Amino acid sequence: MSEVTCALPLELMALLRELGEPAPMVKECVVIELYRRGLLSSGKAAALLGMNRVAFIHYTGRLGIPFVRMTGDEWEEEARHVQELDRS
């Protein structure tokens, strides 16, 4: 695994240390942000954080990051399909 060193303001490091060991928290933030941007799959992100995929999806959901990402048009199309299924 590669390592990255970055300079953080002392007050930010103090806040991170209050929460625990900074390195795992920074790694989690990076992985979650890459997932949020659609650059990592939920499975890959979960594996990087040592979690199973379902737990990761629930965790990111609690953080307000949706698992299903659809545009308004996609939601409308999906709703039309559901209505068609209800009629048949």
Protein backbone atom coordinates (compact mmCIF):
# COMPACT_ATOMS: atom_id res chain seq x y z
CA MET A 1 0.00 0.00 0.00
CA SER A 2 1.22 3.53 -0.73
CA GLU A 3 1.47 6.30 1.82
CA VAL A 4 0.69 9.96 1.37
CA THR A 5 1.88 12.75 3.61
CA CYS A 6 -0.07 15.97 3.78
CA ALA A 7 0.27 19.09 5.87
CA LEU A 8 -2.79 19.93 7.96
CA PRO A 9 -3.32 22.95 10.20
CA LEU A 10 -2.62 22.22 13.86
CA GLU A 11 -6.22 22.94 14.85
CA LEU A 12 -7.49 20.37 12.35
CA MET A 13 -5.03 17.77 13.64
CA ALA A 14 -6.14 18.53 17.20
CA LEU A 15 -9.78 17.92 16.23
CA LEU A 16 -8.90 14.68 14.48
CA ARG A 17 -6.89 13.47 17.47
CA GLU A 18 -9.87 14.15 19.75
CA LEU A 19 -11.80 11.62 17.66
CA GLY A 20 -9.05 9.01 17.62
CA GLU A 21 -6.22 8.07 15.29
CA PRO A 22 -6.20 10.55 12.36
CA ALA A 23 -4.86 8.27 9.60
CA PRO A 24 -7.85 5.86 9.46
CA MET A 25 -10.29 8.77 9.56
CA VAL A 26 -8.55 10.53 6.69
CA LYS A 27 -8.52 7.28 4.69
CA GLU A 28 -12.26 6.83 5.33
CA CYS A 29 -12.99 10.39 4.23
CA VAL A 30 -11.04 9.93 0.99
CA VAL A 31 -12.69 6.60 0.18
CA ILE A 32 -16.19 7.91 0.93
CA GLU A 33 -15.62 11.03 -1.17
CA LEU A 34 -14.37 8.96 -4.11
CA TYR A 35 -17.46 6.76 -3.77
CA ARG A 36 -19.74 9.82 -3.54
CA ARG A 37 -18.23 11.15 -6.77
CA GLY A 38 -18.83 7.81 -8.49
CA LEU A 39 -15.13 7.01 -8.85
CA LEU A 40 -15.29 3.90 -6.62
CA SER A 41 -17.93 1.20 -6.55
CA SER A 42 -19.62 0.40 -3.25
CA GLY A 43 -17.91 -2.99 -3.22
CA LYS A 44 -14.43 -1.57 -3.77
CA ALA A 45 -14.98 1.23 -1.25
CA ALA A 46 -16.25 -1.27 1.32
CA ALA A 47 -13.24 -3.52 0.77
CA LEU A 48 -10.85 -0.60 1.18
CA LEU A 49 -12.45 0.19 4.53
CA GLY A 50 -12.60 -3.45 5.66
CA MET A 51 -16.41 -3.53 5.62
CA ASN A 52 -18.90 -5.71 3.82
CA ARG A 53 -20.78 -4.02 1.00
CA VAL A 54 -24.19 -3.94 2.71
CA ALA A 55 -22.73 -2.37 5.85
CA PHE A 56 -20.95 0.22 3.71
CA ILE A 57 -24.16 1.10 1.83
CA HIS A 58 -26.03 1.51 5.14
CA TYR A 59 -23.20 3.59 6.61
CA THR A 60 -22.98 5.96 3.66
CA GLY A 61 -26.77 6.20 3.60
CA ARG A 62 -26.67 7.43 7.20
CA LEU A 63 -24.15 10.02 5.99
CA GLY A 64 -26.66 11.18 3.39
CA ILE A 65 -24.98 9.56 0.39
CA PRO A 66 -27.59 7.72 -1.69
CA PHE A 67 -26.92 4.25 -3.05
CA VAL A 68 -29.23 4.74 -6.02
CA ARG A 69 -28.37 7.79 -8.07
CA MET A 70 -30.96 8.67 -10.64
CA THR A 71 -31.88 11.87 -12.42
CA GLY A 72 -35.41 13.25 -12.26
CA ASP A 73 -36.06 11.91 -15.75
CA GLU A 74 -34.84 8.46 -14.74
CA TRP A 75 -37.14 8.46 -11.68
CA GLU A 76 -40.11 9.44 -13.86
CA GLU A 77 -39.33 6.66 -16.33
CA GLU A 78 -39.03 4.17 -13.48
CA ALA A 79 -42.38 5.33 -12.08
CA ARG A 80 -44.01 4.80 -15.48
CA HIS A 81 -42.64 1.25 -15.59
CA VAL A 82 -44.01 0.53 -12.11
CA GLN A 83 -47.43 1.89 -13.09
CA GLU A 84 -47.41 -0.32 -16.20
CA LEU A 85 -46.61 -3.35 -14.05
CA ASP A 86 -49.47 -2.48 -11.69
CA ARG A 87 -51.90 -2.41 -14.61
CA SER A 88 -50.92 -5.85 -15.90
